[in-house]
Amino acid sequence: MNWLTVRRGTEPLVVAFPHGGTDLGELDHQFVSPARARLDTDWWIADLYAFAADMGATLVATDISRSVIDMNRDPSGASLYPGQATTELCPTTTFDGAPLYRFGEPDEAEITRRLHQYHRPYHEALSAELARLRDAHGRVVLYDAHSIRSRVPRLFDGELPQFNIGTNGGATCADELEAAITNLCAASGESHVVNGRFKGGWTTRHYGRPEAGVHAIQMELAMRGYMAEPEKLSEADWPTPIDLDPPIRPVLRQAIAAALDFAKGRP
């Protein structure tokens, strides 16, 4: 599968990138425009965390755009945030509420096709890597890596904190791991929140089973930490390039190191 990348490491840490892809799966003609379909990509996220491979982590990434199918949504279609604005398993709008499709939206048969073609293989690969590393080490950490524009009024008020840590209210990982990463973010001097607007998506909630040796944590970054965000978004100026030396990268290195220390039982 040329849209799925698994870079295997030997350390007990998997870093997942469910939203960094821009491939529209030959559906370009169905969308209002390819640029709109790619608008809400987690831009440059795999580049930002590329260093994790050198630390021995396993990286799992999809090239398929979240507008085709969202790898971080419940395959049943159930909402992760009942009562709040969100996007679906196969999104029909952008984060801002603009329609994605030129004509008809995907029907049940088409959603099922995309589930079988993309969502299921991605999670089969992720499951296999977590099982491999847990069997080898006794416990493993899944770090689900995300980013989003700092201001999306339809989804949240005002400016999003720089670091948004999600553990579904502490259910998906040990308190020790949540505290270690939270303390690093607090010490950075940047804004942060734990289980705020983003409490962890389906990936974190599905795999996070501390009692079974799998500890999952989601990190949602505000994009201003590693790329310029124009005041008014347009297809002509988005995305902007990644900052080659972003100020938040040292914090992310520390977070990955802390996840590894936890997984290996080091204080």
C-alpha atoms as a PDB file:
ATOM      1  CA  MET A   1       0.000   0.000   0.000  1.00  0.00           C
ATOM      2  CA  ASN A   2       1.827   3.053  -1.257  1.00  0.00           C
ATOM      3  CA  TRP A   3      -0.309   5.398   0.871  1.00  0.00           C
ATOM      4  CA  LEU A   4       0.726   3.786   4.181  1.00  0.00           C
ATOM      5  CA  THR A   5       4.178   4.240   5.716  1.00  0.00           C
ATOM      6  CA  VAL A   6       5.457   2.151   8.614  1.00  0.00           C
ATOM      7  CA  ARG A   7       8.994   2.940   9.713  1.00  0.00           C
ATOM      8  CA  ARG A   8       9.862   0.319  12.286  1.00  0.00           C
ATOM      9  CA  GLY A   9      11.941   1.087  15.341  1.00  0.00           C
ATOM     10  CA  THR A  10      12.948  -1.099  18.265  1.00  0.00           C
ATOM     11  CA  GLU A  11      12.059   1.142  21.212  1.00  0.00           C
ATOM     12  CA  PRO A  12       8.652   0.853  22.965  1.00  0.00           C
ATOM     13  CA  LEU A  13       7.108   3.932  21.344  1.00  0.00           C
ATOM     14  CA  VAL A  14       4.836   4.388  18.323  1.00  0.00           C
ATOM     15  CA  VAL A  15       4.271   7.871  16.920  1.00  0.00           C
ATOM     16  CA  ALA A  16       1.185   7.995  14.672  1.00  0.00           C
ATOM     17  CA  PHE A  17       0.256  10.591  12.055  1.00  0.00           C
ATOM     18  CA  PRO A  18      -3.378  10.084  11.004  1.00  0.00           C
ATOM     19  CA  HIS A  19      -3.958  13.528   9.486  1.00  0.00           C
ATOM     20  CA  GLY A  20      -0.772  14.493   7.641  1.00  0.00           C
ATOM     21  CA  GLY A  21      -1.797  13.105   4.239  1.00  0.00           C
ATOM     22  CA  THR A  22      -2.865  15.067   1.167  1.00  0.00           C
ATOM     23  CA  ASP A  23      -3.711  12.221  -1.254  1.00  0.00           C
ATOM     24  CA  LEU A  24      -7.364  12.516  -2.296  1.00  0.00           C
ATOM     25  CA  GLY A  25      -7.632   8.915  -3.484  1.00  0.00           C
ATOM     26  CA  GLU A  26      -8.560   9.851  -7.064  1.00  0.00           C
ATOM     27  CA  LEU A  27     -11.640  11.685  -5.761  1.00  0.00           C
ATOM     28  CA  ASP A  28     -10.361  15.156  -6.697  1.00  0.00           C
ATOM     29  CA  HIS A  29     -13.267  15.760  -9.085  1.00  0.00           C
ATOM     30  CA  GLN A  30     -15.847  15.165  -6.348  1.00  0.00           C
ATOM     31  CA  PHE A  31     -14.577  17.927  -4.080  1.00  0.00           C
ATOM     32  CA  VAL A  32     -15.354  21.612  -4.503  1.00  0.00           C
ATOM     33  CA  SER A  33     -11.600  22.008  -5.007  1.00  0.00           C
ATOM     34  CA  PRO A  34      -8.499  19.976  -4.103  1.00  0.00           C
ATOM     35  CA  ALA A  35      -7.228  22.953  -2.090  1.00  0.00           C
ATOM     36  CA  ARG A  36     -10.382  23.015   0.047  1.00  0.00           C
ATOM     37  CA  ALA A  37     -10.177  19.252   0.567  1.00  0.00           C
ATOM     38  CA  ARG A  38      -6.624  19.661   1.881  1.00  0.00           C
ATOM     39  CA  LEU A  39      -7.280  22.781   3.968  1.00  0.00           C
ATOM     40  CA  ASP A  40      -7.475  21.005   7.344  1.00  0.00           C
ATOM     41  CA  THR A  41      -4.409  18.806   6.892  1.00  0.00           C
ATOM     42  CA  ASP A  42      -2.053  18.567   9.881  1.00  0.00           C
ATOM     43  CA  TRP A  43       0.565  20.334   7.769  1.00  0.00           C
ATOM     44  CA  TRP A  44       4.210  19.173   8.010  1.00  0.00           C
ATOM     45  CA  ILE A  45       3.469  17.091  11.100  1.00  0.00           C
ATOM     46  CA  ALA A  46       5.635  14.112  10.102  1.00  0.00           C
ATOM     47  CA  ASP A  47       8.503  16.475   9.243  1.00  0.00           C
ATOM     48  CA  LEU A  48       8.180  18.144  12.627  1.00  0.00           C
ATOM     49  CA  TYR A  49       8.593  14.805  14.432  1.00  0.00           C
ATOM     50  CA  ALA A  50      11.069  13.175  12.028  1.00  0.00           C
ATOM     51  CA  PHE A  51      13.675  13.134  14.809  1.00  0.00           C
ATOM     52  CA  ALA A  52      11.654  10.468  16.655  1.00  0.00           C
ATOM     53  CA  ALA A  53      12.851   7.807  14.229  1.00  0.00           C
ATOM     54  CA  ASP A  54      16.446   8.522  15.252  1.00  0.00           C
ATOM     55  CA  MET A  55      15.397   7.920  18.864  1.00  0.00           C
ATOM     56  CA  GLY A  56      14.192   4.413  17.971  1.00  0.00           C
ATOM     57  CA  ALA A  57      10.468   5.107  17.726  1.00  0.00           C
ATOM     58  CA  THR A  58       8.202   3.425  15.190  1.00  0.00           C
ATOM     59  CA  LEU A  59       6.399   5.865  12.891  1.00  0.00           C
ATOM     60  CA  VAL A  60       3.036   5.064  11.289  1.00  0.00           C
ATOM     61  CA  ALA A  61       1.639   7.549   8.761  1.00  0.00           C
ATOM     62  CA  THR A  62      -1.028   7.705   6.077  1.00  0.00           C
ATOM     63  CA  ASP A  63      -0.812   9.771   2.898  1.00  0.00           C
ATOM     64  CA  ILE A  64      -4.614   9.708   2.530  1.00  0.00           C
ATOM     65  CA  SER A  65      -6.273  13.027   3.307  1.00  0.00           C
ATOM     66  CA  ARG A  66      -8.609  13.241   6.266  1.00  0.00           C
ATOM     67  CA  SER A  67     -11.203  14.597   3.809  1.00  0.00           C
ATOM     68  CA  VAL A  68     -11.353  11.166   2.147  1.00  0.00           C
ATOM     69  CA  ILE A  69     -11.646   9.341   5.462  1.00  0.00           C
ATOM     70  CA  ASP A  70     -10.575  10.338   8.940  1.00  0.00           C
ATOM     71  CA  MET A  71      -8.336   7.682  10.471  1.00  0.00           C
ATOM     72  CA  ASN A  72      -8.944   9.191  13.912  1.00  0.00           C
ATOM     73  CA  ARG A  73     -12.723   8.724  13.905  1.00  0.00           C
ATOM     74  CA  ASP A  74     -14.789   5.854  15.245  1.00  0.00           C
ATOM     75  CA  PRO A  75     -15.442   3.485  12.307  1.00  0.00           C
ATOM     76  CA  SER A  76     -19.068   3.208  13.455  1.00  0.00           C
ATOM     77  CA  GLY A  77     -19.527   6.910  12.745  1.00  0.00           C
ATOM     78  CA  ALA A  78     -20.332   7.746  16.386  1.00  0.00           C
ATOM     79  CA  SER A  79     -19.319  11.262  17.395  1.00  0.00           C
ATOM     80  CA  LEU A  80     -16.313  11.672  19.686  1.00  0.00           C
ATOM     81  CA  TYR A  81     -17.656  14.970  20.979  1.00  0.00           C
ATOM     82  CA  PRO A  82     -21.473  14.753  21.268  1.00  0.00           C
ATOM     83  CA  GLY A  83     -23.104  18.159  21.245  1.00  0.00           C
ATOM     84  CA  GLN A  84     -20.014  19.912  19.877  1.00  0.00           C
ATOM     85  CA  ALA A  85     -19.154  20.877  16.310  1.00  0.00           C
ATOM     86  CA  THR A  86     -16.901  18.312  14.692  1.00  0.00           C
ATOM     87  CA  THR A  87     -16.306  16.539  11.378  1.00  0.00           C
ATOM     88  CA  GLU A  88     -17.466  13.062  10.435  1.00  0.00           C
ATOM     89  CA  LEU A  89     -15.747   9.787   9.574  1.00  0.00           C
ATOM     90  CA  CYS A  90     -15.942  10.887   5.934  1.00  0.00           C
ATOM     91  CA  PRO A  91     -16.132  14.663   6.413  1.00  0.00           C
ATOM     92  CA  THR A  92     -18.705  16.647   4.464  1.00  0.00           C
ATOM     93  CA  THR A  93     -17.441  20.083   5.538  1.00  0.00           C
ATOM     94  CA  THR A  94     -14.211  21.796   6.450  1.00  0.00           C
ATOM     95  CA  PHE A  95     -13.528  22.769  10.061  1.00  0.00           C
ATOM     96  CA  ASP A  96     -15.018  26.157   9.185  1.00  0.00           C
ATOM     97  CA  GLY A  97     -18.251  24.555   7.967  1.00  0.00           C
ATOM     98  CA  ALA A  98     -17.716  25.065   4.220  1.00  0.00           C
ATOM     99  CA  PRO A  99     -19.051  22.185   2.070  1.00  0.00           C
ATOM    100  CA  LEU A 100     -16.408  19.803   0.751  1.00  0.00           C
ATOM    101  CA  TYR A 101     -18.374  18.109  -2.026  1.00  0.00           C
ATOM    102  CA  ARG A 102     -19.323  19.628  -5.346  1.00  0.00           C
ATOM    103  CA  PHE A 103     -22.464  17.535  -5.722  1.00  0.00           C
ATOM    104  CA  GLY A 104     -23.514  14.533  -3.619  1.00  0.00           C
ATOM    105  CA  GLU A 105     -21.905  13.499  -0.342  1.00  0.00           C
ATOM    106  CA  PRO A 106     -20.607   9.916   0.096  1.00  0.00           C
ATOM    107  CA  ASP A 107     -23.373   7.398   0.718  1.00  0.00           C
ATOM    108  CA  GLU A 108     -23.215   4.387   3.044  1.00  0.00           C
ATOM    109  CA  ALA A 109     -21.741   2.099   0.384  1.00  0.00           C
ATOM    110  CA  GLU A 110     -18.986   4.599  -0.425  1.00  0.00           C
ATOM    111  CA  ILE A 111     -18.160   5.142   3.241  1.00  0.00           C
ATOM    112  CA  THR A 112     -17.905   1.360   3.684  1.00  0.00           C
ATOM    113  CA  ARG A 113     -15.576   1.162   0.677  1.00  0.00           C
ATOM    114  CA  ARG A 114     -13.266   3.791   2.151  1.00  0.00           C
ATOM    115  CA  LEU A 115     -13.331   2.045   5.528  1.00  0.00           C
ATOM    116  CA  HIS A 116     -12.152  -1.201   3.966  1.00  0.00           C
ATOM    117  CA  GLN A 117      -9.635   0.411   1.640  1.00  0.00           C
ATOM    118  CA  TYR A 118      -7.988   2.862   4.034  1.00  0.00           C
ATOM    119  CA  HIS A 119      -9.217   3.029   7.644  1.00  0.00           C
ATOM    120  CA  ARG A 120      -8.987  -0.693   8.397  1.00  0.00           C
ATOM    121  CA  PRO A 121      -5.478  -1.265   6.915  1.00  0.00           C
ATOM    122  CA  TYR A 122      -4.134   1.793   8.754  1.00  0.00           C
ATOM    123  CA  HIS A 123      -5.388   0.506  12.091  1.00  0.00           C
ATOM    124  CA  GLU A 124      -4.309  -3.063  11.364  1.00  0.00           C
ATOM    125  CA  ALA A 125      -0.773  -1.733  10.857  1.00  0.00           C
ATOM    126  CA  LEU A 126      -0.955   0.386  14.000  1.00  0.00           C
ATOM    127  CA  SER A 127      -2.280  -2.544  16.050  1.00  0.00           C
ATOM    128  CA  ALA A 128       0.458  -4.833  14.767  1.00  0.00           C
ATOM    129  CA  GLU A 129       3.236  -2.419  15.702  1.00  0.00           C
ATOM    130  CA  LEU A 130       1.823  -1.823  19.184  1.00  0.00           C
ATOM    131  CA  ALA A 131       1.514  -5.572  19.761  1.00  0.00           C
ATOM    132  CA  ARG A 132       5.056  -6.194  18.496  1.00  0.00           C
ATOM    133  CA  LEU A 133       6.589  -3.632  20.817  1.00  0.00           C
ATOM    134  CA  ARG A 134       4.454  -4.489  23.836  1.00  0.00           C
ATOM    135  CA  ASP A 135       5.431  -8.156  23.471  1.00  0.00           C
ATOM    136  CA  ALA A 136       9.092  -7.177  23.299  1.00  0.00           C
ATOM    137  CA  HIS A 137       9.095  -4.645  26.148  1.00  0.00           C
ATOM    138  CA  GLY A 138       6.112  -5.356  28.385  1.00  0.00           C
ATOM    139  CA  ARG A 139       4.570  -1.957  27.807  1.00  0.00           C
ATOM    140  CA  VAL A 140       4.426   0.543  24.981  1.00  0.00           C
ATOM    141  CA  VAL A 141       3.387   4.169  24.466  1.00  0.00           C
ATOM    142  CA  LEU A 142       1.301   5.394  21.547  1.00  0.00           C
ATOM    143  CA  TYR A 143       1.858   9.104  20.893  1.00  0.00           C
ATOM    144  CA  ASP A 144      -0.785  10.365  18.467  1.00  0.00           C
ATOM    145  CA  ALA A 145       0.599  13.471  16.768  1.00  0.00           C
ATOM    146  CA  HIS A 146      -1.732  16.222  15.535  1.00  0.00           C
ATOM    147  CA  SER A 147      -1.854  19.920  14.737  1.00  0.00           C
ATOM    148  CA  ILE A 148      -4.525  22.481  13.874  1.00  0.00           C
ATOM    149  CA  ARG A 149      -4.834  26.159  13.096  1.00  0.00           C
ATOM    150  CA  SER A 150      -4.697  28.347  16.192  1.00  0.00           C
ATOM    151  CA  ARG A 151      -8.088  29.886  15.505  1.00  0.00           C
ATOM    152  CA  VAL A 152     -11.077  27.891  14.251  1.00  0.00           C
ATOM    153  CA  PRO A 153     -14.153  29.668  15.646  1.00  0.00           C
ATOM    154  CA  ARG A 154     -16.553  26.867  14.718  1.00  0.00           C
ATOM    155  CA  LEU A 155     -14.597  24.398  16.856  1.00  0.00           C
ATOM    156  CA  PHE A 156     -13.363  26.491  19.798  1.00  0.00           C
ATOM    157  CA  ASP A 157     -13.354  30.030  21.160  1.00  0.00           C
ATOM    158  CA  GLY A 158     -10.370  32.340  20.840  1.00  0.00           C
ATOM    159  CA  GLU A 159      -6.819  31.115  20.384  1.00  0.00           C
ATOM    160  CA  LEU A 160      -6.010  27.478  21.090  1.00  0.00           C
ATOM    161  CA  PRO A 161      -3.227  26.775  23.617  1.00  0.00           C
ATOM    162  CA  GLN A 162       0.077  25.795  22.042  1.00  0.00           C
ATOM    163  CA  PHE A 163       0.104  22.308  23.563  1.00  0.00           C
ATOM    164  CA  ASN A 164      -3.157  20.350  23.907  1.00  0.00           C
ATOM    165  CA  ILE A 165      -2.685  17.048  25.712  1.00  0.00           C
ATOM    166  CA  GLY A 166      -5.457  14.467  25.481  1.00  0.00           C
ATOM    167  CA  THR A 167      -5.855  11.313  27.564  1.00  0.00           C
ATOM    168  CA  ASN A 168      -9.673  11.112  27.672  1.00  0.00           C
ATOM    169  CA  GLY A 169      -9.755  12.355  31.240  1.00  0.00           C
ATOM    170  CA  GLY A 170      -6.779  10.247  32.299  1.00  0.00           C
ATOM    171  CA  ALA A 171      -8.265   6.947  31.088  1.00  0.00           C
ATOM    172  CA  THR A 172      -5.839   6.181  28.256  1.00  0.00           C
ATOM    173  CA  CYS A 173      -2.469   6.286  30.018  1.00  0.00           C
ATOM    174  CA  ALA A 174      -0.858   6.211  33.431  1.00  0.00           C
ATOM    175  CA  ASP A 175      -0.972   9.400  35.474  1.00  0.00           C
ATOM    176  CA  GLU A 176       2.829   9.370  35.530  1.00  0.00           C
ATOM    177  CA  LEU A 177       3.081   9.694  31.747  1.00  0.00           C
ATOM    178  CA  GLU A 178       0.438  12.422  31.532  1.00  0.00           C
ATOM    179  CA  ALA A 179       2.174  14.366  34.307  1.00  0.00           C
ATOM    180  CA  ALA A 180       5.630  14.056  32.753  1.00  0.00           C
ATOM    181  CA  ILE A 181       4.542  15.492  29.409  1.00  0.00           C
ATOM    182  CA  THR A 182       2.316  18.124  31.020  1.00  0.00           C
ATOM    183  CA  ASN A 183       5.197  19.342  33.202  1.00  0.00           C
ATOM    184  CA  LEU A 184       7.477  19.685  30.178  1.00  0.00           C
ATOM    185  CA  CYS A 185       4.886  21.766  28.346  1.00  0.00           C
ATOM    186  CA  ALA A 186       4.319  23.935  31.437  1.00  0.00           C
ATOM    187  CA  ALA A 187       8.058  24.493  31.865  1.00  0.00           C
ATOM    188  CA  SER A 188       8.354  25.668  28.245  1.00  0.00           C
ATOM    189  CA  GLY A 189       6.527  28.881  29.051  1.00  0.00           C
ATOM    190  CA  GLU A 190       4.045  28.240  26.233  1.00  0.00           C
ATOM    191  CA  SER A 191       0.326  27.845  26.877  1.00  0.00           C
ATOM    192  CA  HIS A 192      -0.963  24.325  27.451  1.00  0.00           C
ATOM    193  CA  VAL A 193      -4.058  22.436  28.533  1.00  0.00           C
ATOM    194  CA  VAL A 194      -4.839  18.851  29.491  1.00  0.00           C
ATOM    195  CA  ASN A 195      -8.101  17.321  28.276  1.00  0.00           C
ATOM    196  CA  GLY A 196      -9.444  20.652  27.079  1.00  0.00           C
ATOM    197  CA  ARG A 197     -11.203  20.952  23.728  1.00  0.00           C
ATOM    198  CA  PHE A 198      -9.239  17.958  22.422  1.00  0.00           C
ATOM    199  CA  LYS A 199      -9.400  15.056  24.853  1.00  0.00           C
ATOM    200  CA  GLY A 200      -7.974  12.457  22.496  1.00  0.00           C
ATOM    201  CA  GLY A 201      -9.578  11.055  19.376  1.00  0.00           C
ATOM    202  CA  TRP A 202     -10.657   7.529  18.538  1.00  0.00           C
ATOM    203  CA  THR A 203      -7.063   6.331  18.205  1.00  0.00           C
ATOM    204  CA  THR A 204      -6.138   7.361  21.734  1.00  0.00           C
ATOM    205  CA  ARG A 205      -9.401   6.107  23.218  1.00  0.00           C
ATOM    206  CA  HIS A 206      -9.381   2.805  21.314  1.00  0.00           C
ATOM    207  CA  TYR A 207      -5.779   1.763  21.992  1.00  0.00           C
ATOM    208  CA  GLY A 208      -5.162   3.314  25.392  1.00  0.00           C
ATOM    209  CA  ARG A 209      -5.398   0.344  27.782  1.00  0.00           C
ATOM    210  CA  PRO A 210      -2.949   1.008  30.607  1.00  0.00           C
ATOM    211  CA  GLU A 211      -3.960  -2.204  32.393  1.00  0.00           C
ATOM    212  CA  ALA A 212      -2.896  -4.142  29.273  1.00  0.00           C
ATOM    213  CA  GLY A 213       0.421  -2.327  28.877  1.00  0.00           C
ATOM    214  CA  VAL A 214      -0.605   0.125  26.133  1.00  0.00           C
ATOM    215  CA  HIS A 215      -0.505   3.796  27.162  1.00  0.00           C
ATOM    216  CA  ALA A 216      -1.901   6.307  24.645  1.00  0.00           C
ATOM    217  CA  ILE A 217      -1.631  10.087  24.625  1.00  0.00           C
ATOM    218  CA  GLN A 218      -2.629  12.656  22.018  1.00  0.00           C
ATOM    219  CA  MET A 219      -0.721  15.869  21.377  1.00  0.00           C
ATOM    220  CA  GLU A 220      -2.605  18.510  19.409  1.00  0.00           C
ATOM    221  CA  LEU A 221      -0.357  21.432  18.520  1.00  0.00           C
ATOM    222  CA  ALA A 222      -1.431  24.914  17.518  1.00  0.00           C
ATOM    223  CA  MET A 223       0.263  25.401  14.143  1.00  0.00           C
ATOM    224  CA  ARG A 224       1.671  28.821  15.065  1.00  0.00           C
ATOM    225  CA  GLY A 225       4.421  26.974  16.931  1.00  0.00           C
ATOM    226  CA  TYR A 226       6.081  25.782  13.745  1.00  0.00           C
ATOM    227  CA  MET A 227       4.637  27.688  10.767  1.00  0.00           C
ATOM    228  CA  ALA A 228       3.237  31.130  10.016  1.00  0.00           C
ATOM    229  CA  GLU A 229      -0.547  31.449  10.128  1.00  0.00           C
ATOM    230  CA  PRO A 230      -1.985  34.190   7.922  1.00  0.00           C
ATOM    231  CA  GLU A 231      -4.630  36.399   9.498  1.00  0.00           C
ATOM    232  CA  LYS A 232      -7.056  35.514   6.723  1.00  0.00           C
ATOM    233  CA  LEU A 233      -6.740  32.120   5.086  1.00  0.00           C
ATOM    234  CA  SER A 234      -6.835  31.782   1.292  1.00  0.00           C
ATOM    235  CA  GLU A 235      -5.955  28.967  -1.089  1.00  0.00           C
ATOM    236  CA  ALA A 236      -3.156  31.131  -2.497  1.00  0.00           C
ATOM    237  CA  ASP A 237      -1.205  31.449   0.757  1.00  0.00           C
ATOM    238  CA  TRP A 238      -1.911  28.155   2.520  1.00  0.00           C
ATOM    239  CA  PRO A 239      -0.044  26.207   3.669  1.00  0.00           C
ATOM    240  CA  THR A 240       2.944  28.323   4.546  1.00  0.00           C
ATOM    241  CA  PRO A 241       6.340  26.577   4.790  1.00  0.00           C
ATOM    242  CA  ILE A 242       7.463  24.831   7.941  1.00  0.00           C
ATOM    243  CA  ASP A 243       9.849  26.748  10.178  1.00  0.00           C
ATOM    244  CA  LEU A 244      13.144  24.877   9.804  1.00  0.00           C
ATOM    245  CA  ASP A 245      14.041  25.554  13.428  1.00  0.00           C
ATOM    246  CA  PRO A 246      10.710  25.890  15.251  1.00  0.00           C
ATOM    247  CA  PRO A 247      10.862  27.022  18.873  1.00  0.00           C
ATOM    248  CA  ILE A 248       8.595  24.179  20.036  1.00  0.00           C
ATOM    249  CA  ARG A 249      10.771  21.361  18.647  1.00  0.00           C
ATOM    250  CA  PRO A 250      12.997  21.101  21.772  1.00  0.00           C
ATOM    251  CA  VAL A 251       9.841  20.623  23.851  1.00  0.00           C
ATOM    252  CA  LEU A 252       8.626  17.927  21.482  1.00  0.00           C
ATOM    253  CA  ARG A 253      11.999  16.170  21.717  1.00  0.00           C
ATOM    254  CA  GLN A 254      11.685  16.219  25.487  1.00  0.00           C
ATOM    255  CA  ALA A 255       8.127  14.878  25.281  1.00  0.00           C
ATOM    256  CA  ILE A 256       9.194  11.972  23.067  1.00  0.00           C
ATOM    257  CA  ALA A 257      12.131  11.266  25.388  1.00  0.00           C
ATOM    258  CA  ALA A 258       9.792  11.330  28.397  1.00  0.00           C
ATOM    259  CA  ALA A 259       7.429   8.861  26.690  1.00  0.00           C
ATOM    260  CA  LEU A 260      10.371   6.551  26.023  1.00  0.00           C
ATOM    261  CA  ASP A 261      11.619   6.848  29.595  1.00  0.00           C
ATOM    262  CA  PHE A 262       8.173   5.960  30.897  1.00  0.00           C
ATOM    263  CA  ALA A 263       7.801   2.981  28.560  1.00  0.00           C
ATOM    264  CA  LYS A 264      11.207   1.641  29.622  1.00  0.00           C
ATOM    265  CA  GLY A 265      10.538   2.172  33.311  1.00  0.00           C
ATOM    266  CA  ARG A 266      13.111   4.921  33.729  1.00  0.00           C
ATOM    267  CA  PRO A 267      12.390   7.781  36.160  1.00  0.00           C
END
